[in-house]
Amino acid sequence: MDIKKEIKVLLVFAAVFLGCFYLPVGLPRFDNALVEALQLTKWYARQHVLLCLIPAFFIAGAISVFINQASVMKYLGPKANKVLSFGVASVSGTVLAVCSCTVLPLFGGIYRMGAGLGPAVAFLYSGPAINVLAIILTARVLGLELGIARAVGAILFSIVIGLTMHFIFGKEEQRRCDAQPVLQELETSRPLLQTGLYFAALIGILVFANWQAGPKASDVWRSLSSVKWFITGGFALALAAMLVFWMRVRAWKVVATAGITALLGLALPETPMLAFAAGVVGLSIITATTKGEPRDWLNSSWDFAKQILPLLFAGVLIAGALLGRPGHEGLTPSGWVSTAVGGNSLSANFFASIAGAFMYFATLTEVPILQGLLGAGMGKGPALALLLAGPALSLPNMLVIRSIMGTRKTAVFVSLVIVMATLTGMFYGTVW
């Protein structure tokens, strides 16, 4: 018998027993934290899994199947032109209206395909941080100065953090690059224009299915929000046509799925998610029953879902228990947060960065939360620090990126975001 091993097992049993024995069930804050954890998970499942994550999984799977790995290496690989690779990665968020969790399948897709760590991390940060809708809403609700500072800071952050990660882990990246076989750009089965239109349809579905108009949005944004499902349906029809004519999917399968989806959308316009769910199920069945690229696409998307979803839900549960939902408290009293982020001290900016990094913000929700905190006495510096750290990071996000690029790289990435957000917040609070 291995005594040391058995002692470790005994200590684990003892720790679990003591935890259960002294479980603070019945204390209002603890009981409320459990409720908040479940409420946040329920809200996340309803608002983000179907509309955000599943389209993102399909896009990530499409990257793995339909994009030549040599092309990814050429434009985003460790040896790619840095101006081109970091330039593209740093402004990607202006196209993708995604949160810190929705960007994960896309990040995993390009990183697995051979993208360099620096450009991949720049994309990971910029995807949720440079959301054009959130920046416009920030400028309108919180002030033009803060909106501009957020936009400029997010772009610079993505480049600086990406370059720093590239230099810190340069040797590892070189070994990773050397371990990959020399790839040649193979001729694909379809022209580049077709592949581009295919991805445009998928991204269009992701963006407009999640389109939101803020409380002070312009008439243009509100009009787009009112017809977003018609626009989403247009992109879906374009995707359906591509499946039939370019991927040789049986037309009757696509017509049946489109018909059921359209009927549900017209019959139940007040519950568009039901029609969206029918479209997702239909697409899954279509791809599963069609050999070749469509089935490979589904398998790749499913691989991403299996890796990411369990970690995301675990992270959302923990974040809900610790911090609660916007407007509700978890284990951490909201009064502590309001008190800790007043003024423009180093501690206030650091606390805002830490709180933003671990709390989960859905797309656009950080703006009304900050509006309330500013009204409660939060300084402008800490507000910018939270805006730069919060949308790009969250506890669920950290758990997933650790599974993709390892503990050390994740720790460095998170530390860089927090430190840079803290320093930028202090500078902004001092100048303005």
Protein backbone atom coordinates (compact mmCIF):
# COMPACT_ATOMS: atom_id res chain seq x y z
CA MET A 1 0.00 0.00 0.00
CA ASP A 2 1.27 3.47 -0.92
CA ILE A 3 0.94 5.33 2.39
CA LYS A 4 1.43 8.80 0.88
CA LYS A 5 -1.24 8.21 -1.73
CA GLU A 6 -3.70 6.91 0.84
CA ILE A 7 -3.06 9.90 3.11
CA LYS A 8 -3.85 12.24 0.22
CA VAL A 9 -7.12 10.39 -0.41
CA LEU A 10 -7.93 10.59 3.32
CA LEU A 11 -7.27 14.34 3.35
CA VAL A 12 -9.55 14.84 0.36
CA PHE A 13 -12.31 12.86 2.10
CA ALA A 14 -11.79 14.87 5.27
CA ALA A 15 -11.95 18.18 3.39
CA VAL A 16 -15.16 17.17 1.61
CA PHE A 17 -16.70 15.99 4.87
CA LEU A 18 -15.83 19.20 6.73
CA GLY A 19 -17.14 21.26 3.83
CA CYS A 20 -20.46 19.41 3.94
CA PHE A 21 -20.56 19.48 7.77
CA TYR A 22 -20.13 23.25 7.95
CA LEU A 23 -22.06 24.05 4.77
CA PRO A 24 -23.71 27.43 5.51
CA VAL A 25 -27.13 26.42 4.21
CA GLY A 26 -29.77 28.64 5.74
CA LEU A 27 -27.68 31.81 5.78
CA PRO A 28 -29.48 34.32 3.54
CA ARG A 29 -26.39 35.42 1.58
CA PHE A 30 -25.30 31.83 0.90
CA ASP A 31 -28.77 30.71 -0.13
CA ASN A 32 -29.15 33.78 -2.33
CA ALA A 33 -25.76 33.07 -3.94
CA LEU A 34 -26.95 29.58 -4.92
CA VAL A 35 -30.10 31.06 -6.42
CA GLU A 36 -28.06 33.66 -8.31
CA ALA A 37 -25.74 30.97 -9.67
CA LEU A 38 -28.72 29.06 -11.07
CA GLN A 39 -30.46 32.22 -12.29
CA LEU A 40 -27.37 33.38 -14.17
CA THR A 41 -26.94 29.92 -15.69
CA LYS A 42 -30.59 29.87 -16.76
CA TRP A 43 -30.28 33.34 -18.28
CA TYR A 44 -27.05 32.39 -20.02
CA ALA A 45 -28.63 29.24 -21.48
CA ARG A 46 -31.64 31.17 -22.77
CA GLN A 47 -29.91 34.24 -24.13
CA HIS A 48 -26.52 33.06 -25.34
CA VAL A 49 -26.18 29.36 -26.05
CA LEU A 50 -28.62 29.13 -28.95
CA LEU A 51 -28.13 32.55 -30.53
CA CYS A 52 -24.43 33.13 -29.80
CA LEU A 53 -22.50 29.96 -29.07
CA ILE A 54 -24.06 27.53 -31.54
CA PRO A 55 -23.50 29.84 -34.56
CA ALA A 56 -19.96 30.42 -33.24
CA PHE A 57 -19.39 26.64 -33.04
CA PHE A 58 -20.53 26.26 -36.65
CA ILE A 59 -18.19 29.06 -37.74
CA ALA A 60 -15.28 27.50 -35.83
CA GLY A 61 -16.03 24.12 -37.39
CA ALA A 62 -16.17 25.72 -40.82
CA ILE A 63 -12.75 27.29 -40.24
CA SER A 64 -11.33 23.84 -39.54
CA VAL A 65 -12.93 22.21 -42.57
CA PHE A 66 -13.24 24.81 -45.31
CA ILE A 67 -10.12 26.94 -44.83
CA ASN A 68 -6.78 25.62 -46.01
CA GLN A 69 -4.35 25.35 -43.08
CA ALA A 70 -1.54 26.67 -45.24
CA SER A 71 -3.55 29.85 -45.84
CA VAL A 72 -3.98 30.38 -42.11
CA MET A 73 -0.24 29.87 -41.60
CA LYS A 74 0.53 32.29 -44.42
CA TYR A 75 -1.53 35.18 -43.04
CA LEU A 76 -1.74 34.49 -39.29
CA GLY A 77 1.06 32.01 -38.59
CA PRO A 78 4.17 32.71 -36.48
CA LYS A 79 6.15 33.62 -39.61
CA ALA A 80 3.45 35.77 -41.20
CA ASN A 81 3.87 39.47 -41.83
CA LYS A 82 3.29 41.04 -38.41
CA VAL A 83 1.69 44.22 -39.72
CA LEU A 84 -0.88 42.21 -41.71
CA SER A 85 -1.59 39.53 -39.09
CA PHE A 86 -1.87 41.87 -36.09
CA GLY A 87 -3.68 44.50 -38.13
CA VAL A 88 -6.43 42.07 -39.12
CA ALA A 89 -6.69 40.50 -35.67
CA SER A 90 -6.82 43.81 -33.81
CA VAL A 91 -9.90 45.16 -35.61
CA SER A 92 -11.87 41.92 -35.93
CA GLY A 93 -14.28 42.94 -33.19
CA THR A 94 -15.75 45.68 -35.34
CA VAL A 95 -17.33 42.93 -37.44
CA LEU A 96 -18.16 40.36 -34.76
CA ALA A 97 -20.63 41.48 -32.07
CA VAL A 98 -19.54 38.75 -29.66
CA CYS A 99 -18.96 38.42 -25.93
CA SER A 100 -15.98 36.92 -24.10
CA CYS A 101 -17.49 33.43 -24.38
CA THR A 102 -18.79 33.51 -27.96
CA VAL A 103 -15.33 34.40 -29.27
CA LEU A 104 -13.80 31.24 -27.76
CA PRO A 105 -14.78 28.73 -30.47
CA LEU A 106 -13.50 31.15 -33.12
CA PHE A 107 -10.22 31.62 -31.25
CA GLY A 108 -9.85 27.87 -30.80
CA GLY A 109 -10.52 27.34 -34.49
CA ILE A 110 -7.81 29.66 -35.83
CA TYR A 111 -5.29 28.65 -33.13
CA ARG A 112 -5.68 24.95 -33.88
CA MET A 113 -5.32 25.66 -37.58
CA GLY A 114 -1.83 27.04 -36.94
CA ALA A 115 -2.34 30.76 -36.27
CA GLY A 116 0.51 32.29 -34.29
CA LEU A 117 -0.06 32.86 -30.58
CA GLY A 118 0.29 36.64 -30.95
CA PRO A 119 -2.33 37.17 -33.69
CA ALA A 120 -4.63 34.56 -32.12
CA VAL A 121 -4.50 36.31 -28.73
CA ALA A 122 -4.97 39.70 -30.39
CA PHE A 123 -8.13 38.27 -31.98
CA LEU A 124 -9.20 36.72 -28.65
CA TYR A 125 -9.01 40.12 -26.95
CA SER A 126 -10.31 42.29 -29.79
CA GLY A 127 -13.32 40.11 -30.67
CA PRO A 128 -15.45 41.17 -27.68
CA ALA A 129 -13.53 44.36 -26.75
CA ILE A 130 -13.98 46.27 -30.03
CA ASN A 131 -17.65 45.47 -30.54
CA VAL A 132 -18.74 48.50 -32.58
CA LEU A 133 -22.26 48.48 -31.10
CA ALA A 134 -20.92 48.50 -27.54
CA ILE A 135 -18.48 51.33 -28.30
CA ILE A 136 -21.23 53.47 -29.86
CA LEU A 137 -23.49 52.76 -26.88
CA THR A 138 -20.63 53.67 -24.51
CA ALA A 139 -20.14 57.01 -26.25
CA ARG A 140 -23.85 57.85 -26.21
CA VAL A 141 -24.59 56.76 -22.63
CA LEU A 142 -21.31 57.34 -20.77
CA GLY A 143 -19.87 60.17 -22.84
CA LEU A 144 -17.93 60.64 -26.06
CA GLU A 145 -14.55 60.81 -24.27
CA LEU A 146 -15.05 57.43 -22.61
CA GLY A 147 -16.30 55.88 -25.85
CA ILE A 148 -13.24 57.08 -27.80
CA ALA A 149 -10.90 56.02 -24.98
CA ARG A 150 -12.46 52.55 -24.99
CA ALA A 151 -12.12 52.15 -28.76
CA VAL A 152 -8.52 53.37 -28.93
CA GLY A 153 -7.50 51.49 -25.81
CA ALA A 154 -9.02 48.21 -27.00
CA ILE A 155 -7.24 48.33 -30.38
CA LEU A 156 -3.90 49.21 -28.77
CA PHE A 157 -4.41 46.55 -26.08
CA SER A 158 -4.99 43.80 -28.63
CA ILE A 159 -1.79 44.68 -30.51
CA VAL A 160 0.40 45.19 -27.42
CA ILE A 161 -0.88 42.08 -25.64
CA GLY A 162 -0.54 39.98 -28.79
CA LEU A 163 3.03 41.18 -29.43
CA THR A 164 3.98 40.66 -25.78
CA MET A 165 2.65 37.10 -25.81
CA HIS A 166 4.53 36.50 -29.07
CA PHE A 167 7.84 37.63 -27.56
CA ILE A 168 7.38 35.92 -24.17
CA PHE A 169 6.53 32.57 -25.72
CA GLY A 170 8.58 33.01 -28.89
CA LYS A 171 10.66 29.87 -28.38
CA GLU A 172 7.62 27.71 -27.70
CA GLU A 173 5.93 29.18 -30.76
CA GLN A 174 8.99 28.41 -32.85
CA ARG A 175 8.97 24.77 -31.68
CA ARG A 176 5.25 24.58 -32.40
CA CYS A 177 5.86 25.99 -35.85
CA ASP A 178 8.77 23.62 -36.56
CA ALA A 179 6.70 20.63 -35.43
CA GLN A 180 4.05 21.35 -38.04
CA PRO A 181 4.63 19.88 -41.48
CA VAL A 182 5.50 22.15 -44.37
CA LEU A 183 2.19 22.88 -46.00
CA GLN A 184 1.41 24.02 -49.48
CA GLU A 185 -1.66 25.98 -50.40
CA LEU A 186 -3.76 23.39 -52.11
CA GLU A 187 -6.34 24.20 -54.71
CA THR A 188 -9.71 24.14 -53.03
CA SER A 189 -12.85 22.61 -54.44
CA ARG A 190 -14.45 26.06 -54.80
CA PRO A 191 -13.26 29.59 -55.60
CA LEU A 192 -12.21 31.93 -52.81
CA LEU A 193 -15.24 34.11 -53.48
CA GLN A 194 -17.58 31.21 -52.69
CA THR A 195 -15.80 30.47 -49.41
CA GLY A 196 -15.91 34.16 -48.51
CA LEU A 197 -19.64 34.39 -49.18
CA TYR A 198 -20.19 31.21 -47.17
CA PHE A 199 -18.47 32.69 -44.11
CA ALA A 200 -20.24 36.02 -44.67
CA ALA A 201 -23.59 34.21 -44.39
CA LEU A 202 -22.57 32.47 -41.17
CA ILE A 203 -21.23 35.69 -39.63
CA GLY A 204 -24.34 37.57 -40.76
CA ILE A 205 -26.54 35.06 -38.93
CA LEU A 206 -24.41 35.39 -35.76
CA VAL A 207 -24.34 39.20 -35.83
CA PHE A 208 -27.98 39.96 -36.64
CA ALA A 209 -29.49 37.22 -34.49
CA ASN A 210 -27.84 39.02 -31.55
CA TRP A 211 -28.40 42.59 -32.76
CA GLN A 212 -29.56 44.92 -29.98
CA ALA A 213 -30.46 48.59 -29.88
CA GLY A 214 -29.46 50.35 -26.69
CA PRO A 215 -31.75 52.70 -24.74
CA LYS A 216 -30.28 55.75 -26.52
CA ALA A 217 -29.72 54.16 -29.91
CA SER A 218 -30.27 56.17 -33.08
CA ASP A 219 -33.22 55.60 -35.40
CA VAL A 220 -30.98 53.65 -37.77
CA TRP A 221 -29.93 51.17 -35.07
CA ARG A 222 -33.52 50.84 -33.85
CA SER A 223 -34.83 50.21 -37.36
CA LEU A 224 -32.22 47.50 -37.89
CA SER A 225 -33.18 45.95 -34.56
CA SER A 226 -36.85 45.86 -35.56
CA VAL A 227 -36.12 43.91 -38.74
CA LYS A 228 -33.15 41.88 -37.48
CA TRP A 229 -34.94 38.54 -37.87
CA PHE A 230 -35.78 39.26 -41.50
CA ILE A 231 -32.11 40.09 -42.12
CA THR A 232 -31.07 36.93 -40.24
CA GLY A 233 -33.51 34.94 -42.36
CA GLY A 234 -32.00 36.43 -45.51
CA PHE A 235 -28.54 35.25 -44.52
CA ALA A 236 -29.99 31.83 -43.64
CA LEU A 237 -31.60 31.54 -47.09
CA ALA A 238 -28.28 32.47 -48.68
CA LEU A 239 -26.59 29.72 -46.64
CA ALA A 240 -29.30 27.25 -47.70
CA ALA A 241 -28.69 28.04 -51.37
CA MET A 242 -24.93 27.53 -50.91
CA LEU A 243 -25.52 24.14 -49.28
CA VAL A 244 -27.56 23.02 -52.28
CA PHE A 245 -25.53 24.44 -55.16
CA TRP A 246 -21.99 24.37 -53.77
CA MET A 247 -21.97 21.46 -51.33
CA ARG A 248 -24.37 19.17 -53.17
CA VAL A 249 -26.79 18.78 -50.27
CA ARG A 250 -30.12 17.26 -51.31
CA ALA A 251 -32.48 20.13 -52.10
CA TRP A 252 -35.48 18.52 -50.40
CA LYS A 253 -33.64 18.44 -47.06
CA VAL A 254 -32.89 22.14 -47.26
CA VAL A 255 -36.39 23.06 -48.48
CA ALA A 256 -38.00 21.04 -45.67
CA THR A 257 -35.86 22.72 -43.01
CA ALA A 258 -36.39 26.19 -44.48
CA GLY A 259 -40.14 25.60 -44.72
CA ILE A 260 -40.52 24.46 -41.11
CA THR A 261 -38.37 27.34 -39.88
CA ALA A 262 -40.33 29.91 -41.91
CA LEU A 263 -43.70 28.54 -40.76
CA LEU A 264 -42.66 28.70 -37.11
CA GLY A 265 -41.33 32.21 -37.58
CA LEU A 266 -44.56 33.44 -39.21
CA ALA A 267 -46.89 31.56 -36.88
CA LEU A 268 -45.07 32.53 -33.67
CA PRO A 269 -43.36 35.88 -34.35
CA GLU A 270 -43.24 36.66 -30.63
CA THR A 271 -40.95 33.66 -30.00
CA PRO A 272 -38.34 33.85 -32.77
CA MET A 273 -35.97 31.59 -30.86
CA LEU A 274 -38.24 28.64 -31.60
CA ALA A 275 -37.80 29.17 -35.33
CA PHE A 276 -34.07 29.71 -34.84
CA ALA A 277 -33.84 26.45 -32.88
CA ALA A 278 -35.68 24.62 -35.66
CA GLY A 279 -33.18 25.98 -38.17
CA VAL A 280 -30.24 24.83 -36.02
CA VAL A 281 -31.71 21.34 -35.59
CA GLY A 282 -32.46 21.13 -39.30
CA LEU A 283 -28.94 22.22 -40.25
CA SER A 284 -27.50 19.63 -37.87
CA ILE A 285 -29.61 16.86 -39.41
CA ILE A 286 -28.74 18.00 -42.94
CA THR A 287 -25.01 18.00 -42.30
CA ALA A 288 -25.10 14.76 -40.32
CA THR A 289 -26.83 12.92 -43.18
CA THR A 290 -24.64 14.29 -45.99
CA LYS A 291 -21.27 12.67 -46.54
CA GLY A 292 -18.13 14.66 -47.21
CA GLU A 293 -17.59 18.27 -46.20
CA PRO A 294 -21.01 18.87 -44.60
CA ARG A 295 -20.59 15.93 -42.19
CA ASP A 296 -16.98 16.92 -41.47
CA TRP A 297 -18.24 20.43 -40.71
CA LEU A 298 -20.74 19.13 -38.15
CA ASN A 299 -18.18 16.81 -36.54
CA SER A 300 -15.67 19.63 -36.16
CA SER A 301 -18.31 21.95 -34.69
CA TRP A 302 -19.37 19.23 -32.25
CA ASP A 303 -15.77 18.75 -31.12
CA PHE A 304 -15.60 22.44 -30.17
CA ALA A 305 -18.92 22.22 -28.35
CA LYS A 306 -17.80 19.21 -26.30
CA GLN A 307 -14.62 20.96 -25.22
CA ILE A 308 -16.04 24.39 -24.46
CA LEU A 309 -19.63 24.08 -23.19
CA PRO A 310 -18.96 22.15 -19.93
CA LEU A 311 -16.27 24.63 -18.87
CA LEU A 312 -18.42 27.61 -19.78
CA PHE A 313 -21.37 26.45 -17.71
CA ALA A 314 -19.12 25.62 -14.75
CA GLY A 315 -17.63 29.11 -14.98
CA VAL A 316 -21.06 30.78 -15.25
CA LEU A 317 -22.24 28.92 -12.13
CA ILE A 318 -19.20 30.04 -10.13
CA ALA A 319 -19.41 33.63 -11.41
CA GLY A 320 -23.11 33.77 -10.53
CA ALA A 321 -22.47 32.51 -7.00
CA LEU A 322 -19.64 34.97 -6.38
CA LEU A 323 -20.90 38.09 -8.14
CA GLY A 324 -24.57 37.49 -8.97
CA ARG A 325 -26.39 38.95 -11.95
CA PRO A 326 -26.47 42.65 -12.88
CA GLY A 327 -28.60 44.29 -10.21
CA HIS A 328 -28.45 41.25 -7.89
CA GLU A 329 -25.88 40.25 -5.30
CA GLY A 330 -23.99 36.99 -4.93
CA LEU A 331 -21.57 36.21 -2.12
CA THR A 332 -19.78 39.54 -2.76
CA PRO A 333 -21.79 42.54 -1.49
CA SER A 334 -22.29 45.13 -4.22
CA GLY A 335 -21.52 47.87 -1.71
CA TRP A 336 -17.94 46.63 -1.53
CA VAL A 337 -17.59 47.10 -5.26
CA SER A 338 -19.02 50.64 -5.26
CA THR A 339 -16.74 51.64 -2.37
CA ALA A 340 -13.63 50.04 -3.84
CA VAL A 341 -13.80 51.79 -7.24
CA GLY A 342 -14.28 55.37 -6.08
CA GLY A 343 -11.63 57.95 -7.03
CA ASN A 344 -8.66 57.25 -9.24
CA SER A 345 -6.19 55.47 -6.96
CA LEU A 346 -4.08 52.51 -7.98
CA SER A 347 -6.18 50.25 -5.77
CA ALA A 348 -9.44 51.51 -7.31
CA ASN A 349 -8.25 50.91 -10.86
CA PHE A 350 -6.74 47.54 -9.96
CA PHE A 351 -9.93 46.42 -8.23
CA ALA A 352 -12.03 47.53 -11.22
CA SER A 353 -9.76 45.55 -13.55
CA ILE A 354 -9.92 42.43 -11.34
CA ALA A 355 -13.70 42.66 -10.93
CA GLY A 356 -14.18 43.20 -14.66
CA ALA A 357 -11.87 40.32 -15.53
CA PHE A 358 -13.75 37.77 -13.43
CA MET A 359 -17.32 38.97 -13.90
CA TYR A 360 -19.28 37.82 -16.93
CA PHE A 361 -20.62 40.62 -19.17
CA ALA A 362 -22.98 39.79 -21.99
CA THR A 363 -22.64 42.00 -25.06
CA LEU A 364 -23.73 45.60 -24.25
CA THR A 365 -24.63 44.87 -20.60
CA GLU A 366 -21.45 46.45 -19.28
CA VAL A 367 -22.71 49.93 -20.26
CA PRO A 368 -25.82 50.12 -18.02
CA ILE A 369 -23.87 48.44 -15.20
CA LEU A 370 -21.17 51.11 -15.44
CA GLN A 371 -23.80 53.83 -15.65
CA GLY A 372 -25.09 52.70 -12.26
CA LEU A 373 -21.59 52.45 -10.78
CA LEU A 374 -20.66 55.94 -12.03
CA GLY A 375 -23.81 57.25 -10.41
CA ALA A 376 -22.72 55.57 -7.16
CA GLY A 377 -19.37 57.40 -7.18
CA MET A 378 -17.13 55.29 -9.42
CA GLY A 379 -14.20 57.24 -10.88
CA LYS A 380 -13.73 57.67 -14.64
CA GLY A 381 -10.37 55.88 -14.53
CA PRO A 382 -11.74 52.71 -12.92
CA ALA A 383 -14.70 52.88 -15.32
CA LEU A 384 -12.34 52.70 -18.32
CA ALA A 385 -10.29 49.98 -16.59
CA LEU A 386 -13.42 47.87 -16.20
CA LEU A 387 -14.45 48.53 -19.81
CA LEU A 388 -11.05 47.36 -21.07
CA ALA A 389 -10.81 44.27 -18.86
CA GLY A 390 -14.44 43.22 -18.47
CA PRO A 391 -15.87 42.46 -21.94
CA ALA A 392 -12.71 40.62 -23.07
CA LEU A 393 -12.38 38.38 -20.00
CA SER A 394 -14.57 36.42 -17.62
CA LEU A 395 -14.15 33.43 -15.35
CA PRO A 396 -15.82 31.08 -17.88
CA ASN A 397 -13.57 32.55 -20.58
CA MET A 398 -10.43 31.84 -18.53
CA LEU A 399 -11.38 28.22 -17.91
CA VAL A 400 -11.81 27.59 -21.62
CA ILE A 401 -8.70 29.36 -22.92
CA ARG A 402 -6.67 27.45 -20.33
CA SER A 403 -7.86 24.21 -21.97
CA ILE A 404 -6.81 25.56 -25.38
CA MET A 405 -3.41 27.16 -24.75
CA GLY A 406 -2.39 25.97 -21.28
CA THR A 407 -2.12 27.41 -17.79
CA ARG A 408 1.02 29.53 -18.23
CA LYS A 409 -0.11 31.30 -21.37
CA THR A 410 -3.55 31.92 -19.88
CA ALA A 411 -2.06 33.34 -16.68
CA VAL A 412 0.20 35.69 -18.65
CA PHE A 413 -2.65 36.79 -20.93
CA VAL A 414 -4.98 37.53 -18.00
CA SER A 415 -2.22 39.33 -16.09
CA LEU A 416 -1.38 41.51 -19.10
CA VAL A 417 -5.02 42.53 -19.53
CA ILE A 418 -5.42 43.39 -15.84
CA VAL A 419 -2.13 45.30 -15.53
CA MET A 420 -2.66 47.26 -18.75
CA ALA A 421 -6.27 48.07 -17.86
CA THR A 422 -5.15 49.29 -14.43
CA LEU A 423 -2.41 51.56 -15.79
CA THR A 424 -4.59 52.88 -18.61
CA GLY A 425 -7.40 53.64 -16.17
CA MET A 426 -5.01 55.57 -13.91
CA PHE A 427 -3.67 57.58 -16.84
CA TYR A 428 -7.15 58.36 -18.17
CA GLY A 429 -8.44 59.32 -14.71
CA THR A 430 -5.47 61.63 -14.16
CA VAL A 431 -5.69 63.38 -17.54
CA TRP A 432 -9.48 63.67 -17.67
